[in-house]
Amino acid sequence: MLSGAADDPSPDPARGRGAAGPRRCARHGGAGAVTPAAACRPPPCPPSAVGQRMEEAMLFRQVVLLLRQAREGGDPTRGRAAAEATRRLWEAVLLALHAPGCTLPPALRQGLETLGQAVMREVARPAPDYGFLADINEQVMAGLATCH
């Protein structure tokens, strides 16, 4: 969970790469971007990292949907289920951050750990703020859905 990413030089026009490699803007080390969409695109992830990151993003998406439903519905059963799903997800994140094979930079690990601790405190409250939890999970999901 929460793997790092590396460049994949394989051609893929849909992701802004041709046989010559990724198209980048001058600001990011390349010259002559062909299209605005490809101009400032981050480096591509290898296919295995893309699959893992998207899988992780989908887990966060599921939790976000549960949290939004709990916030809007007011049903205590949904609220408990959303809080439990959030707790399980963040327990997995925190465990992954401390795994010996974690390749994330130390500053990112520390930031995610601090965020995870805040999430765990919030879900432990008798009446968690589902909007707050959904917003945090949505931000992490957005970060996983893109390659940096």
N, C-alpha and C. Protein backbone atom coordinates (compact mmCIF):
# COMPACT_ATOMS: atom_id res chain seq x y z
N MET A 1 0.84 -1.17 0.00
CA MET A 1 0.00 0.00 0.00
C MET A 1 0.89 1.23 0.00
N LEU A 2 0.48 2.26 -0.71
CA LEU A 2 1.18 3.53 -0.79
C LEU A 2 2.60 3.35 -1.30
N SER A 3 2.71 2.79 -2.49
CA SER A 3 4.02 2.55 -3.08
C SER A 3 4.57 3.79 -3.75
N GLY A 4 5.88 3.81 -3.97
CA GLY A 4 6.52 4.89 -4.71
C GLY A 4 6.33 4.66 -6.19
N ALA A 5 6.82 5.56 -7.03
CA ALA A 5 6.66 5.42 -8.47
C ALA A 5 7.97 5.73 -9.16
N ALA A 6 8.15 5.13 -10.35
CA ALA A 6 9.34 5.38 -11.17
C ALA A 6 8.89 5.61 -12.60
N ASP A 7 9.78 6.09 -13.45
CA ASP A 7 9.45 6.36 -14.84
C ASP A 7 9.28 5.09 -15.64
N ASP A 8 8.39 5.13 -16.62
CA ASP A 8 8.18 4.03 -17.55
C ASP A 8 8.36 4.60 -18.95
N PRO A 9 9.44 4.23 -19.66
CA PRO A 9 9.72 4.83 -20.95
C PRO A 9 8.88 4.28 -22.10
N SER A 10 7.98 3.30 -21.87
CA SER A 10 7.24 2.70 -22.97
C SER A 10 6.29 3.69 -23.63
N PRO A 11 6.10 3.58 -24.95
CA PRO A 11 5.21 4.51 -25.67
C PRO A 11 3.76 4.36 -25.23
N ASP A 12 3.08 5.47 -25.06
CA ASP A 12 1.66 5.48 -24.72
C ASP A 12 1.12 6.87 -25.03
N PRO A 13 0.59 7.07 -26.26
CA PRO A 13 0.11 8.40 -26.63
C PRO A 13 -1.01 8.91 -25.74
N ALA A 14 -1.81 8.03 -25.15
CA ALA A 14 -2.90 8.48 -24.30
C ALA A 14 -2.39 9.14 -23.04
N ARG A 15 -1.17 8.84 -22.64
CA ARG A 15 -0.61 9.44 -21.43
C ARG A 15 0.45 10.47 -21.77
N GLY A 16 0.50 10.92 -23.01
CA GLY A 16 1.42 11.98 -23.38
C GLY A 16 2.81 11.50 -23.69
N ARG A 17 2.96 10.22 -23.98
CA ARG A 17 4.28 9.68 -24.31
C ARG A 17 4.24 9.11 -25.71
N GLY A 18 5.24 9.38 -26.46
CA GLY A 18 5.40 8.77 -27.77
C GLY A 18 6.69 7.99 -27.76
N ALA A 19 7.18 7.61 -28.91
CA ALA A 19 8.41 6.85 -28.99
C ALA A 19 9.59 7.63 -28.42
N ALA A 20 9.51 8.96 -28.45
CA ALA A 20 10.61 9.79 -27.96
C ALA A 20 10.55 9.99 -26.45
N GLY A 21 9.52 9.48 -25.77
CA GLY A 21 9.43 9.64 -24.33
C GLY A 21 8.37 10.66 -23.96
N PRO A 22 8.29 11.00 -22.69
CA PRO A 22 7.25 11.92 -22.25
C PRO A 22 7.47 13.32 -22.78
N ARG A 23 6.37 14.01 -23.08
CA ARG A 23 6.44 15.41 -23.50
C ARG A 23 6.34 16.27 -22.27
N ARG A 24 7.31 17.13 -22.04
CA ARG A 24 7.35 17.94 -20.83
C ARG A 24 7.56 19.40 -21.19
N CYS A 25 7.13 20.28 -20.32
CA CYS A 25 7.34 21.70 -20.55
C CYS A 25 8.75 22.10 -20.15
N ALA A 26 9.19 23.26 -20.59
CA ALA A 26 10.53 23.74 -20.28
C ALA A 26 10.73 23.88 -18.77
N ARG A 27 9.68 24.26 -18.07
CA ARG A 27 9.77 24.43 -16.63
C ARG A 27 10.13 23.13 -15.92
N HIS A 28 9.72 21.99 -16.48
CA HIS A 28 9.97 20.70 -15.85
C HIS A 28 11.05 19.90 -16.56
N GLY A 29 11.92 20.54 -17.28
CA GLY A 29 13.09 19.85 -17.83
C GLY A 29 12.98 19.42 -19.27
N GLY A 30 11.90 19.65 -19.93
CA GLY A 30 11.78 19.27 -21.33
C GLY A 30 11.58 20.51 -22.16
N ALA A 31 11.53 20.37 -23.43
CA ALA A 31 11.32 21.53 -24.30
C ALA A 31 10.23 21.22 -25.31
N GLY A 32 9.49 22.22 -25.67
CA GLY A 32 8.53 22.12 -26.77
C GLY A 32 7.39 21.16 -26.53
N ALA A 33 6.63 21.35 -25.50
CA ALA A 33 5.47 20.49 -25.28
C ALA A 33 4.52 20.60 -26.45
N VAL A 34 3.98 19.46 -26.87
CA VAL A 34 3.14 19.41 -28.06
C VAL A 34 1.73 19.88 -27.77
N THR A 35 1.15 19.48 -26.66
CA THR A 35 -0.22 19.87 -26.33
C THR A 35 -0.26 20.46 -24.93
N PRO A 36 -1.25 21.31 -24.65
CA PRO A 36 -1.35 21.85 -23.30
C PRO A 36 -1.52 20.76 -22.24
N ALA A 37 -2.26 19.72 -22.57
CA ALA A 37 -2.49 18.65 -21.60
C ALA A 37 -1.20 17.92 -21.25
N ALA A 38 -0.29 17.81 -22.19
CA ALA A 38 0.96 17.10 -21.95
C ALA A 38 2.06 18.02 -21.44
N ALA A 39 1.80 19.31 -21.42
CA ALA A 39 2.85 20.28 -21.12
C ALA A 39 3.47 20.12 -19.74
N CYS A 40 2.68 20.04 -18.72
CA CYS A 40 3.21 19.99 -17.36
C CYS A 40 2.81 18.71 -16.64
N ARG A 41 2.71 17.64 -17.37
CA ARG A 41 2.32 16.35 -16.81
C ARG A 41 3.48 15.78 -16.00
N PRO A 42 3.18 15.20 -14.80
CA PRO A 42 4.25 14.57 -14.02
C PRO A 42 4.77 13.33 -14.74
N PRO A 43 5.95 12.85 -14.37
CA PRO A 43 6.47 11.65 -15.01
C PRO A 43 5.51 10.49 -14.86
N PRO A 44 5.45 9.62 -15.85
CA PRO A 44 4.53 8.49 -15.78
C PRO A 44 5.00 7.44 -14.78
N CYS A 45 4.04 6.68 -14.26
CA CYS A 45 4.35 5.58 -13.37
C CYS A 45 4.49 4.30 -14.19
N PRO A 46 5.28 3.35 -13.72
CA PRO A 46 5.31 2.05 -14.41
C PRO A 46 3.96 1.37 -14.24
N PRO A 47 3.59 0.48 -15.16
CA PRO A 47 2.27 -0.15 -15.10
C PRO A 47 1.96 -0.80 -13.75
N SER A 48 2.92 -1.47 -13.13
CA SER A 48 2.64 -2.12 -11.84
C SER A 48 2.30 -1.09 -10.77
N ALA A 49 3.01 0.03 -10.75
CA ALA A 49 2.73 1.07 -9.76
C ALA A 49 1.40 1.73 -10.05
N VAL A 50 1.06 1.92 -11.33
CA VAL A 50 -0.22 2.51 -11.69
C VAL A 50 -1.35 1.63 -11.17
N GLY A 51 -1.25 0.34 -11.40
CA GLY A 51 -2.28 -0.58 -10.93
C GLY A 51 -2.44 -0.56 -9.42
N GLN A 52 -1.32 -0.55 -8.71
CA GLN A 52 -1.38 -0.54 -7.25
C GLN A 52 -1.93 0.78 -6.74
N ARG A 53 -1.47 1.88 -7.31
CA ARG A 53 -1.95 3.19 -6.87
C ARG A 53 -3.44 3.35 -7.14
N MET A 54 -3.90 2.89 -8.30
CA MET A 54 -5.32 3.00 -8.62
C MET A 54 -6.15 2.11 -7.69
N GLU A 55 -5.63 0.95 -7.35
CA GLU A 55 -6.32 0.07 -6.41
C GLU A 55 -6.46 0.76 -5.04
N GLU A 56 -5.36 1.38 -4.61
CA GLU A 56 -5.38 2.10 -3.34
C GLU A 56 -6.34 3.29 -3.41
N ALA A 57 -6.33 4.00 -4.52
CA ALA A 57 -7.24 5.14 -4.69
C ALA A 57 -8.70 4.67 -4.64
N MET A 58 -8.98 3.51 -5.20
CA MET A 58 -10.35 2.98 -5.17
C MET A 58 -10.78 2.63 -3.75
N LEU A 59 -9.86 2.14 -2.92
CA LEU A 59 -10.19 1.87 -1.52
C LEU A 59 -10.57 3.16 -0.81
N PHE A 60 -9.78 4.21 -1.06
CA PHE A 60 -10.11 5.50 -0.45
C PHE A 60 -11.43 6.02 -0.98
N ARG A 61 -11.70 5.81 -2.27
CA ARG A 61 -12.97 6.26 -2.86
C ARG A 61 -14.16 5.59 -2.20
N GLN A 62 -14.04 4.29 -1.95
CA GLN A 62 -15.13 3.57 -1.29
C GLN A 62 -15.40 4.13 0.10
N VAL A 63 -14.32 4.42 0.83
CA VAL A 63 -14.48 4.99 2.18
C VAL A 63 -15.09 6.38 2.11
N VAL A 64 -14.66 7.18 1.13
CA VAL A 64 -15.22 8.53 0.97
C VAL A 64 -16.72 8.44 0.72
N LEU A 65 -17.14 7.52 -0.14
CA LEU A 65 -18.57 7.38 -0.42
C LEU A 65 -19.34 7.00 0.84
N LEU A 66 -18.81 6.07 1.63
CA LEU A 66 -19.46 5.69 2.88
C LEU A 66 -19.56 6.87 3.85
N LEU A 67 -18.48 7.64 3.93
CA LEU A 67 -18.47 8.80 4.83
C LEU A 67 -19.47 9.86 4.39
N ARG A 68 -19.55 10.11 3.10
CA ARG A 68 -20.51 11.11 2.59
C ARG A 68 -21.95 10.64 2.85
N GLN A 69 -22.22 9.36 2.65
CA GLN A 69 -23.55 8.83 2.91
C GLN A 69 -23.89 8.94 4.40
N ALA A 70 -22.90 8.68 5.26
CA ALA A 70 -23.13 8.79 6.70
C ALA A 70 -23.41 10.23 7.09
N ARG A 71 -22.70 11.15 6.48
CA ARG A 71 -22.90 12.57 6.80
C ARG A 71 -24.27 13.04 6.36
N GLU A 72 -24.69 12.61 5.18
CA GLU A 72 -25.96 13.10 4.62
C GLU A 72 -27.17 12.36 5.17
N GLY A 73 -26.99 11.08 5.53
CA GLY A 73 -28.14 10.28 5.92
C GLY A 73 -28.54 10.39 7.37
N GLY A 74 -27.59 10.58 8.25
CA GLY A 74 -27.90 10.64 9.67
C GLY A 74 -28.24 9.30 10.29
N ASP A 75 -28.08 8.20 9.55
CA ASP A 75 -28.36 6.86 10.06
C ASP A 75 -27.17 6.40 10.90
N PRO A 76 -27.37 6.11 12.21
CA PRO A 76 -26.26 5.72 13.07
C PRO A 76 -25.56 4.44 12.60
N THR A 77 -26.29 3.51 12.00
CA THR A 77 -25.70 2.27 11.52
C THR A 77 -24.72 2.57 10.38
N ARG A 78 -25.14 3.43 9.46
CA ARG A 78 -24.24 3.84 8.37
C ARG A 78 -23.02 4.57 8.92
N GLY A 79 -23.24 5.40 9.89
CA GLY A 79 -22.14 6.14 10.50
C GLY A 79 -21.11 5.22 11.12
N ARG A 80 -21.58 4.22 11.86
CA ARG A 80 -20.65 3.27 12.48
C ARG A 80 -19.90 2.47 11.42
N ALA A 81 -20.61 2.07 10.36
CA ALA A 81 -19.96 1.31 9.28
C ALA A 81 -18.91 2.17 8.57
N ALA A 82 -19.22 3.43 8.35
CA ALA A 82 -18.27 4.33 7.69
C ALA A 82 -17.05 4.57 8.57
N ALA A 83 -17.27 4.77 9.86
CA ALA A 83 -16.16 4.98 10.79
C ALA A 83 -15.29 3.73 10.87
N GLU A 84 -15.90 2.56 10.89
CA GLU A 84 -15.15 1.31 10.96
C GLU A 84 -14.34 1.09 9.68
N ALA A 85 -14.92 1.35 8.53
CA ALA A 85 -14.19 1.21 7.26
C ALA A 85 -13.01 2.18 7.22
N THR A 86 -13.22 3.39 7.72
CA THR A 86 -12.15 4.39 7.75
C THR A 86 -11.03 3.94 8.69
N ARG A 87 -11.41 3.43 9.84
CA ARG A 87 -10.41 2.94 10.81
C ARG A 87 -9.58 1.81 10.24
N ARG A 88 -10.24 0.83 9.59
CA ARG A 88 -9.51 -0.29 9.00
C ARG A 88 -8.56 0.16 7.90
N LEU A 89 -9.02 1.09 7.06
CA LEU A 89 -8.18 1.59 5.97
C LEU A 89 -6.93 2.28 6.53
N TRP A 90 -7.12 3.15 7.51
CA TRP A 90 -5.99 3.90 8.05
C TRP A 90 -5.08 3.03 8.90
N GLU A 91 -5.61 1.98 9.51
CA GLU A 91 -4.73 1.02 10.19
C GLU A 91 -3.80 0.37 9.17
N ALA A 92 -4.34 0.02 8.02
CA ALA A 92 -3.52 -0.57 6.96
C ALA A 92 -2.47 0.42 6.45
N VAL A 93 -2.87 1.68 6.30
CA VAL A 93 -1.92 2.71 5.86
C VAL A 93 -0.80 2.85 6.87
N LEU A 94 -1.14 2.96 8.15
CA LEU A 94 -0.13 3.13 9.18
C LEU A 94 0.80 1.92 9.26
N LEU A 95 0.26 0.73 9.11
CA LEU A 95 1.11 -0.47 9.09
C LEU A 95 2.05 -0.44 7.89
N ALA A 96 1.54 -0.05 6.72
CA ALA A 96 2.36 0.00 5.51
C ALA A 96 3.48 1.03 5.64
N LEU A 97 3.20 2.13 6.31
CA LEU A 97 4.22 3.17 6.49
C LEU A 97 5.39 2.68 7.33
N HIS A 98 5.15 1.71 8.21
CA HIS A 98 6.20 1.19 9.08
C HIS A 98 6.79 -0.12 8.58
N ALA A 99 6.31 -0.59 7.44
CA ALA A 99 6.84 -1.84 6.88
C ALA A 99 8.28 -1.63 6.40
N PRO A 100 9.14 -2.64 6.55
CA PRO A 100 10.53 -2.50 6.13
C PRO A 100 10.70 -2.15 4.65
N GLY A 101 9.78 -2.57 3.81
CA GLY A 101 9.89 -2.31 2.38
C GLY A 101 9.29 -1.00 1.91
N CYS A 102 8.84 -0.14 2.82
CA CYS A 102 8.21 1.12 2.43
C CYS A 102 9.25 2.02 1.76
N THR A 103 8.95 2.43 0.52
CA THR A 103 9.88 3.25 -0.27
C THR A 103 9.52 4.73 -0.29
N LEU A 104 8.52 5.12 0.45
CA LEU A 104 8.14 6.53 0.47
C LEU A 104 9.22 7.35 1.17
N PRO A 105 9.42 8.58 0.72
CA PRO A 105 10.39 9.45 1.39
C PRO A 105 10.00 9.67 2.85
N PRO A 106 10.99 9.82 3.74
CA PRO A 106 10.70 9.98 5.17
C PRO A 106 9.73 11.12 5.48
N ALA A 107 9.86 12.24 4.81
CA ALA A 107 8.96 13.37 5.09
C ALA A 107 7.52 13.01 4.74
N LEU A 108 7.31 12.30 3.65
CA LEU A 108 5.96 11.89 3.25
C LEU A 108 5.41 10.87 4.24
N ARG A 109 6.26 9.91 4.64
CA ARG A 109 5.83 8.93 5.65
C ARG A 109 5.40 9.62 6.93
N GLN A 110 6.20 10.58 7.38
CA GLN A 110 5.88 11.29 8.62
C GLN A 110 4.57 12.07 8.49
N GLY A 111 4.38 12.73 7.35
CA GLY A 111 3.15 13.48 7.12
C GLY A 111 1.93 12.58 7.10
N LEU A 112 2.05 11.44 6.42
CA LEU A 112 0.92 10.50 6.37
C LEU A 112 0.65 9.88 7.74
N GLU A 113 1.70 9.66 8.50
CA GLU A 113 1.51 9.11 9.85
C GLU A 113 0.77 10.11 10.73
N THR A 114 1.15 11.38 10.66
CA THR A 114 0.47 12.42 11.43
C THR A 114 -1.00 12.51 11.01
N LEU A 115 -1.24 12.47 9.72
CA LEU A 115 -2.60 12.50 9.20
C LEU A 115 -3.38 11.28 9.67
N GLY A 116 -2.75 10.12 9.61
CA GLY A 116 -3.40 8.88 10.05
C GLY A 116 -3.77 8.91 11.52
N GLN A 117 -2.89 9.48 12.34
CA GLN A 117 -3.20 9.58 13.77
C GLN A 117 -4.39 10.51 14.00
N ALA A 118 -4.47 11.59 13.24
CA ALA A 118 -5.62 12.50 13.36
C ALA A 118 -6.91 11.79 12.95
N VAL A 119 -6.84 11.01 11.88
CA VAL A 119 -8.01 10.26 11.42
C VAL A 119 -8.44 9.25 12.49
N MET A 120 -7.47 8.55 13.07
CA MET A 120 -7.79 7.55 14.09
C MET A 120 -8.42 8.19 15.32
N ARG A 121 -7.94 9.37 15.71
CA ARG A 121 -8.56 10.08 16.84
C ARG A 121 -10.01 10.45 16.52
N GLU A 122 -10.21 10.92 15.28
CA GLU A 122 -11.56 11.36 14.89
C GLU A 122 -12.54 10.19 14.84
N VAL A 123 -12.15 9.05 14.29
CA VAL A 123 -13.08 7.91 14.20
C VAL A 123 -13.36 7.31 15.58
N ALA A 124 -12.48 7.57 16.56
CA ALA A 124 -12.68 7.05 17.91
C ALA A 124 -13.67 7.91 18.71
N ARG A 125 -13.97 9.09 18.21
CA ARG A 125 -14.92 9.97 18.91
C ARG A 125 -16.32 9.38 18.85
N PRO A 126 -17.17 9.68 19.85
CA PRO A 126 -18.55 9.17 19.83
C PRO A 126 -19.34 9.65 18.60
N ALA A 127 -19.07 10.87 18.15
CA ALA A 127 -19.76 11.41 16.97
C ALA A 127 -18.71 12.01 16.03
N PRO A 128 -18.08 11.16 15.19
CA PRO A 128 -17.03 11.67 14.30
C PRO A 128 -17.58 12.68 13.29
N ASP A 129 -16.73 13.56 12.85
CA ASP A 129 -17.08 14.54 11.82
C ASP A 129 -16.86 13.87 10.46
N TYR A 130 -17.94 13.36 9.88
CA TYR A 130 -17.85 12.60 8.64
C TYR A 130 -17.38 13.46 7.47
N GLY A 131 -17.74 14.72 7.46
CA GLY A 131 -17.29 15.62 6.41
C GLY A 131 -15.79 15.81 6.45
N PHE A 132 -15.24 16.02 7.63
CA PHE A 132 -13.79 16.16 7.83
C PHE A 132 -13.08 14.90 7.36
N LEU A 133 -13.58 13.74 7.79
CA LEU A 133 -12.95 12.47 7.40
C LEU A 133 -13.03 12.24 5.89
N ALA A 134 -14.17 12.57 5.30
CA ALA A 134 -14.33 12.41 3.86
C ALA A 134 -13.35 13.31 3.11
N ASP A 135 -13.20 14.55 3.57
CA ASP A 135 -12.29 15.49 2.91
C ASP A 135 -10.85 15.00 2.96
N ILE A 136 -10.41 14.51 4.12
CA ILE A 136 -9.04 13.99 4.23
C ILE A 136 -8.83 12.80 3.30
N ASN A 137 -9.76 11.86 3.33
CA ASN A 137 -9.62 10.67 2.49
C ASN A 137 -9.68 11.02 1.01
N GLU A 138 -10.47 12.02 0.67
CA GLU A 138 -10.57 12.46 -0.71
C GLU A 138 -9.24 13.06 -1.20
N GLN A 139 -8.57 13.81 -0.33
CA GLN A 139 -7.28 14.39 -0.69
C GLN A 139 -6.23 13.31 -0.91
N VAL A 140 -6.21 12.31 -0.04
CA VAL A 140 -5.26 11.20 -0.21
C VAL A 140 -5.59 10.44 -1.49
N MET A 141 -6.87 10.22 -1.74
CA MET A 141 -7.31 9.54 -2.95
C MET A 141 -6.84 10.29 -4.19
N ALA A 142 -6.96 11.60 -4.19
CA ALA A 142 -6.54 12.41 -5.33
C ALA A 142 -5.04 12.29 -5.56
N GLY A 143 -4.28 12.25 -4.48
CA GLY A 143 -2.84 12.09 -4.61
C GLY A 143 -2.45 10.74 -5.17
N LEU A 144 -3.20 9.71 -4.82
CA LEU A 144 -2.90 8.37 -5.34
C LEU A 144 -3.33 8.22 -6.80
N ALA A 145 -4.32 8.97 -7.21
CA ALA A 145 -4.85 8.84 -8.57
C ALA A 145 -3.94 9.50 -9.61
N THR A 146 -2.94 10.23 -9.17
CA THR A 146 -1.98 10.84 -10.09
C THR A 146 -0.60 10.30 -9.77
N CYS A 147 0.26 10.33 -10.75
CA CYS A 147 1.65 9.88 -10.54
C CYS A 147 2.53 11.10 -10.42
N HIS A 148 3.41 11.08 -9.46
CA HIS A 148 4.33 12.21 -9.24
C HIS A 148 5.75 11.79 -9.54
